[in-house]
Amino acid sequence: MQKILTTYRCNNCWLKSLAELRTLVASGEDEVQVSFCDFLARHGYTRDSETIRVASHEQREAWLLSIIDAVQVGDLVFQP
């Protein structure tokens, strides 16, 4: 159940959900970051996913947090 961005959220709770995701990614747990990379690969971002996956822990976290930021401001939208 600890999969990244796999649930659909209503307009009333998606920002809270992104905040929770941001906290999870910033926790530094490799398992969470790997799950996020898996999510990206499933959504067609295979090359990006692999680049992030092999980056240093700090760089991987920074990139994943920037993806969350892009989702929050609407610059990046993942389709179900």
N, C-alpha and C. Protein backbone atom coordinates (compact mmCIF):
# COMPACT_ATOMS: atom_id res chain seq x y z
N MET A 1 0.82 -1.20 0.00
CA MET A 1 0.00 0.00 0.00
C MET A 1 0.86 1.26 0.00
N GLN A 2 2.14 1.14 0.17
CA GLN A 2 3.03 2.30 0.21
C GLN A 2 3.50 2.70 -1.20
N LYS A 3 2.64 2.56 -2.19
CA LYS A 3 2.99 2.91 -3.55
C LYS A 3 2.81 4.41 -3.75
N ILE A 4 3.62 4.94 -4.62
CA ILE A 4 3.62 6.39 -4.85
C ILE A 4 2.61 6.78 -5.92
N LEU A 5 1.82 7.78 -5.63
CA LEU A 5 0.89 8.38 -6.59
C LEU A 5 0.01 7.36 -7.30
N THR A 6 -0.52 6.41 -6.58
CA THR A 6 -1.33 5.39 -7.23
C THR A 6 -2.81 5.51 -6.91
N THR A 7 -3.18 6.48 -6.11
CA THR A 7 -4.59 6.63 -5.78
C THR A 7 -5.12 7.91 -6.40
N TYR A 8 -6.38 7.91 -6.68
CA TYR A 8 -7.02 9.10 -7.24
C TYR A 8 -7.52 9.95 -6.09
N ARG A 9 -7.34 11.24 -6.21
CA ARG A 9 -7.74 12.14 -5.13
C ARG A 9 -8.74 13.15 -5.66
N CYS A 10 -9.66 13.53 -4.79
CA CYS A 10 -10.63 14.56 -5.16
C CYS A 10 -9.98 15.93 -5.02
N ASN A 11 -10.67 16.93 -5.52
CA ASN A 11 -10.14 18.30 -5.46
C ASN A 11 -10.00 18.81 -4.03
N ASN A 12 -10.67 18.18 -3.09
CA ASN A 12 -10.59 18.64 -1.71
C ASN A 12 -9.39 18.09 -0.95
N CYS A 13 -8.77 17.03 -1.46
CA CYS A 13 -7.70 16.42 -0.67
C CYS A 13 -6.39 16.19 -1.43
N TRP A 14 -6.30 16.54 -2.70
CA TRP A 14 -5.10 16.22 -3.45
C TRP A 14 -3.89 17.01 -2.97
N LEU A 15 -4.08 18.25 -2.51
CA LEU A 15 -2.94 19.01 -2.00
C LEU A 15 -2.41 18.40 -0.70
N LYS A 16 -3.32 17.93 0.14
CA LYS A 16 -2.90 17.25 1.37
C LYS A 16 -2.13 15.98 1.01
N SER A 17 -2.61 15.27 0.01
CA SER A 17 -1.94 14.05 -0.43
C SER A 17 -0.54 14.35 -0.97
N LEU A 18 -0.40 15.43 -1.73
CA LEU A 18 0.93 15.82 -2.22
C LEU A 18 1.86 16.19 -1.07
N ALA A 19 1.32 16.84 -0.07
CA ALA A 19 2.14 17.18 1.10
C ALA A 19 2.62 15.91 1.80
N GLU A 20 1.75 14.91 1.91
CA GLU A 20 2.14 13.64 2.50
C GLU A 20 3.21 12.96 1.66
N LEU A 21 3.04 13.00 0.34
CA LEU A 21 4.04 12.42 -0.55
C LEU A 21 5.38 13.13 -0.42
N ARG A 22 5.34 14.45 -0.34
CA ARG A 22 6.57 15.23 -0.17
C ARG A 22 7.30 14.82 1.11
N THR A 23 6.55 14.63 2.18
CA THR A 23 7.13 14.19 3.45
C THR A 23 7.74 12.81 3.33
N LEU A 24 7.05 11.90 2.64
CA LEU A 24 7.57 10.55 2.44
C LEU A 24 8.88 10.57 1.65
N VAL A 25 8.91 11.32 0.56
CA VAL A 25 10.11 11.39 -0.27
C VAL A 25 11.26 12.01 0.52
N ALA A 26 10.96 13.05 1.27
CA ALA A 26 12.00 13.75 2.05
C ALA A 26 12.47 12.92 3.25
N SER A 27 11.74 11.86 3.59
CA SER A 27 12.15 11.02 4.71
C SER A 27 13.45 10.29 4.43
N GLY A 28 13.80 10.22 3.15
CA GLY A 28 15.06 9.59 2.77
C GLY A 28 15.00 8.09 2.61
N GLU A 29 13.83 7.51 2.72
CA GLU A 29 13.71 6.06 2.58
C GLU A 29 13.90 5.65 1.11
N ASP A 30 14.88 4.81 0.88
CA ASP A 30 15.15 4.35 -0.48
C ASP A 30 13.94 3.66 -1.10
N GLU A 31 13.23 2.89 -0.29
CA GLU A 31 12.06 2.15 -0.78
C GLU A 31 11.02 3.10 -1.38
N VAL A 32 10.80 4.23 -0.75
CA VAL A 32 9.84 5.21 -1.24
C VAL A 32 10.33 5.80 -2.56
N GLN A 33 11.60 6.14 -2.61
CA GLN A 33 12.15 6.75 -3.82
C GLN A 33 12.14 5.76 -4.99
N VAL A 34 12.44 4.51 -4.72
CA VAL A 34 12.40 3.48 -5.76
C VAL A 34 10.97 3.29 -6.26
N SER A 35 10.01 3.32 -5.35
CA SER A 35 8.61 3.20 -5.73
C SER A 35 8.20 4.37 -6.64
N PHE A 36 8.69 5.55 -6.34
CA PHE A 36 8.39 6.72 -7.17
C PHE A 36 8.98 6.52 -8.56
N CYS A 37 10.19 6.00 -8.65
CA CYS A 37 10.81 5.73 -9.95
C CYS A 37 10.01 4.69 -10.72
N ASP A 38 9.50 3.67 -10.03
CA ASP A 38 8.65 2.67 -10.67
C ASP A 38 7.40 3.32 -11.24
N PHE A 39 6.81 4.22 -10.47
CA PHE A 39 5.63 4.95 -10.93
C PHE A 39 5.94 5.72 -12.21
N LEU A 40 7.07 6.43 -12.23
CA LEU A 40 7.44 7.19 -13.42
C LEU A 40 7.60 6.28 -14.63
N ALA A 41 8.23 5.15 -14.44
CA ALA A 41 8.42 4.20 -15.54
C ALA A 41 7.08 3.70 -16.07
N ARG A 42 6.15 3.40 -15.18
CA ARG A 42 4.83 2.92 -15.60
C ARG A 42 4.08 3.97 -16.40
N HIS A 43 4.40 5.24 -16.20
CA HIS A 43 3.71 6.31 -16.89
C HIS A 43 4.50 6.82 -18.10
N GLY A 44 5.44 6.03 -18.56
CA GLY A 44 6.13 6.35 -19.80
C GLY A 44 7.41 7.15 -19.66
N TYR A 45 7.83 7.40 -18.44
CA TYR A 45 9.05 8.17 -18.20
C TYR A 45 10.20 7.23 -17.84
N THR A 46 10.39 6.21 -18.66
CA THR A 46 11.38 5.18 -18.36
C THR A 46 12.79 5.74 -18.29
N ARG A 47 13.17 6.52 -19.27
CA ARG A 47 14.53 7.08 -19.28
C ARG A 47 14.76 7.97 -18.07
N ASP A 48 13.79 8.85 -17.78
CA ASP A 48 13.90 9.72 -16.61
C ASP A 48 13.97 8.90 -15.34
N SER A 49 13.15 7.87 -15.26
CA SER A 49 13.12 7.01 -14.09
C SER A 49 14.48 6.37 -13.85
N GLU A 50 15.10 5.86 -14.89
CA GLU A 50 16.40 5.23 -14.74
C GLU A 50 17.48 6.23 -14.36
N THR A 51 17.41 7.43 -14.93
CA THR A 51 18.37 8.48 -14.57
C THR A 51 18.27 8.82 -13.10
N ILE A 52 17.03 8.99 -12.62
CA ILE A 52 16.81 9.32 -11.22
C ILE A 52 17.24 8.15 -10.32
N ARG A 53 16.89 6.96 -10.73
CA ARG A 53 17.17 5.76 -9.93
C ARG A 53 18.66 5.59 -9.62
N VAL A 54 19.54 5.91 -10.59
CA VAL A 54 20.98 5.69 -10.39
C VAL A 54 21.71 6.93 -9.85
N ALA A 55 20.98 8.01 -9.63
CA ALA A 55 21.59 9.23 -9.10
C ALA A 55 21.94 9.04 -7.62
N SER A 56 22.76 9.94 -7.13
CA SER A 56 23.05 9.91 -5.70
C SER A 56 21.76 10.11 -4.91
N HIS A 57 21.78 9.65 -3.68
CA HIS A 57 20.58 9.76 -2.84
C HIS A 57 20.07 11.20 -2.77
N GLU A 58 20.97 12.14 -2.57
CA GLU A 58 20.59 13.54 -2.44
C GLU A 58 20.01 14.09 -3.74
N GLN A 59 20.64 13.74 -4.87
CA GLN A 59 20.15 14.22 -6.16
C GLN A 59 18.80 13.58 -6.49
N ARG A 60 18.66 12.30 -6.20
CA ARG A 60 17.40 11.59 -6.44
C ARG A 60 16.27 12.25 -5.66
N GLU A 61 16.52 12.55 -4.40
CA GLU A 61 15.50 13.21 -3.58
C GLU A 61 15.14 14.58 -4.14
N ALA A 62 16.14 15.34 -4.54
CA ALA A 62 15.88 16.68 -5.09
C ALA A 62 15.03 16.59 -6.36
N TRP A 63 15.36 15.67 -7.25
CA TRP A 63 14.58 15.52 -8.48
C TRP A 63 13.15 15.09 -8.19
N LEU A 64 12.98 14.14 -7.30
CA LEU A 64 11.63 13.68 -6.99
C LEU A 64 10.80 14.79 -6.35
N LEU A 65 11.42 15.57 -5.48
CA LEU A 65 10.69 16.70 -4.88
C LEU A 65 10.32 17.74 -5.92
N SER A 66 11.18 17.94 -6.91
CA SER A 66 10.87 18.90 -7.97
C SER A 66 9.72 18.39 -8.84
N ILE A 67 9.61 17.09 -9.00
CA ILE A 67 8.47 16.52 -9.73
C ILE A 67 7.19 16.79 -8.96
N ILE A 68 7.22 16.60 -7.66
CA ILE A 68 6.05 16.88 -6.83
C ILE A 68 5.66 18.35 -6.95
N ASP A 69 6.64 19.22 -6.93
CA ASP A 69 6.36 20.66 -7.09
C ASP A 69 5.69 20.94 -8.43
N ALA A 70 6.19 20.29 -9.49
CA ALA A 70 5.62 20.50 -10.83
C ALA A 70 4.18 20.00 -10.90
N VAL A 71 3.88 18.90 -10.21
CA VAL A 71 2.51 18.41 -10.15
C VAL A 71 1.62 19.42 -9.42
N GLN A 72 2.13 19.95 -8.33
CA GLN A 72 1.32 20.88 -7.52
C GLN A 72 0.95 22.14 -8.29
N VAL A 73 1.86 22.68 -9.08
CA VAL A 73 1.56 23.92 -9.81
C VAL A 73 0.92 23.66 -11.18
N GLY A 74 0.76 22.39 -11.52
CA GLY A 74 0.08 22.05 -12.77
C GLY A 74 0.98 21.96 -13.99
N ASP A 75 2.29 22.05 -13.78
CA ASP A 75 3.20 21.93 -14.92
C ASP A 75 3.36 20.49 -15.37
N LEU A 76 3.01 19.55 -14.53
CA LEU A 76 3.11 18.13 -14.84
C LEU A 76 1.83 17.46 -14.39
N VAL A 77 1.20 16.74 -15.31
CA VAL A 77 -0.05 16.05 -15.01
C VAL A 77 0.11 14.60 -15.42
N PHE A 78 -0.15 13.69 -14.51
CA PHE A 78 -0.11 12.26 -14.81
C PHE A 78 -1.52 11.80 -15.10
N GLN A 79 -1.69 11.14 -16.21
CA GLN A 79 -3.00 10.64 -16.60
C GLN A 79 -3.18 9.23 -16.04
N PRO A 80 -4.39 8.92 -15.57
CA PRO A 80 -4.65 7.58 -15.04
C PRO A 80 -4.52 6.52 -16.11
